[in-house]
């Protein structure tokens, strides 16, 4: 079983040890072919509070850490 990974942008760091990461999914519309952008937000564990809003990060799936937190920050790709 492969570990799921996503790349997204940090949109909120107001919670302690948690960052909200928005991940964009671009795919063509099945009938019309236009590229449709869908955004989903994930709550990711950030134990040292290193992330800032605007950072591009890679997150990976992990065991449930709280009611809504199932991802963790793996690396910060570009800092804001």
Protein backbone atom coordinates (compact mmCIF):
# COMPACT_ATOMS: atom_id res chain seq x y z
CA UNK A 1 0.00 0.00 0.00
CA UNK A 2 1.50 3.31 -1.10
CA UNK A 3 1.41 6.36 1.14
CA UNK A 4 -0.64 9.17 -0.39
CA UNK A 5 1.16 12.47 -0.92
CA UNK A 6 -0.15 15.83 -2.10
CA UNK A 7 1.40 19.23 -2.85
CA UNK A 8 -0.46 22.36 -1.80
CA UNK A 9 -0.31 25.86 -0.37
CA UNK A 10 -0.69 26.69 3.33
CA UNK A 11 -3.76 28.91 3.77
CA UNK A 12 -3.98 29.05 7.58
CA UNK A 13 -1.63 28.53 10.55
CA UNK A 14 -3.84 29.89 13.31
CA UNK A 15 -4.13 26.56 15.15
CA UNK A 16 -1.29 25.23 17.30
CA UNK A 17 0.74 22.48 15.56
CA UNK A 18 -1.74 22.42 12.65
CA UNK A 19 -1.67 23.96 9.19
CA UNK A 20 -4.53 24.06 6.70
CA UNK A 21 -3.26 23.13 3.23
CA UNK A 22 -5.26 23.83 0.05
CA UNK A 23 -4.60 21.30 -2.73
CA UNK A 24 -5.66 22.10 -6.30
CA UNK A 25 -6.86 19.41 -8.68
CA UNK A 26 -6.91 20.44 -12.36
CA UNK A 27 -8.75 18.10 -14.72
CA UNK A 28 -10.65 18.46 -17.99
CA UNK A 29 -14.43 18.52 -17.92
CA UNK A 30 -15.67 15.12 -19.11
CA UNK A 31 -17.95 16.55 -21.80
CA UNK A 32 -16.65 20.01 -22.70
CA UNK A 33 -12.91 19.55 -22.19
CA UNK A 34 -12.36 22.84 -20.34
CA UNK A 35 -9.87 22.59 -17.48
CA UNK A 36 -11.79 22.70 -14.20
CA UNK A 37 -9.95 23.64 -10.98
CA UNK A 38 -11.19 22.03 -7.78
CA UNK A 39 -9.67 22.89 -4.40
CA UNK A 40 -9.77 20.75 -1.29
CA UNK A 41 -8.44 21.72 2.14
CA UNK A 42 -6.58 19.31 4.39
CA UNK A 43 -5.57 19.82 8.02
CA UNK A 44 -1.94 18.74 8.41
CA UNK A 45 0.20 18.19 11.51
CA UNK A 46 3.03 20.73 11.87
CA UNK A 47 4.73 19.85 15.20
CA UNK A 48 7.25 22.74 15.27
CA UNK A 49 4.89 25.36 13.76
CA UNK A 50 7.42 25.91 10.93
CA UNK A 51 4.93 26.65 8.16
CA UNK A 52 3.72 30.12 7.29
CA UNK A 53 0.79 31.16 5.13
CA UNK A 54 1.71 31.04 1.46
CA UNK A 55 4.31 28.27 1.80
CA UNK A 56 4.19 25.48 -0.78
CA UNK A 57 4.38 22.14 1.08
CA UNK A 58 4.25 18.40 0.50
CA UNK A 59 1.89 16.54 2.85
CA UNK A 60 1.50 12.83 3.39
CA UNK A 61 -1.25 10.69 4.83
CA UNK A 62 -0.82 9.36 8.36
CA UNK A 63 -2.85 7.80 11.15
CA UNK A 64 -5.70 9.91 12.60
CA UNK A 65 -4.16 12.52 14.90
CA UNK A 66 -7.44 14.24 15.85
CA UNK A 67 -11.05 14.36 14.71
CA UNK A 68 -10.20 16.04 11.38
CA UNK A 69 -6.39 15.78 11.12
CA UNK A 70 -5.12 12.84 9.03
CA UNK A 71 -2.12 14.39 7.21
CA UNK A 72 1.34 15.59 8.21
CA UNK A 73 3.74 18.11 6.69
CA UNK A 74 6.57 16.16 5.01
CA UNK A 75 8.64 19.00 3.52
CA UNK A 76 8.41 22.73 2.85
CA UNK A 77 9.09 23.12 -0.87
CA UNK A 78 9.13 26.91 -1.11
CA UNK A 79 8.91 29.33 1.79
CA UNK A 80 6.82 32.47 1.51
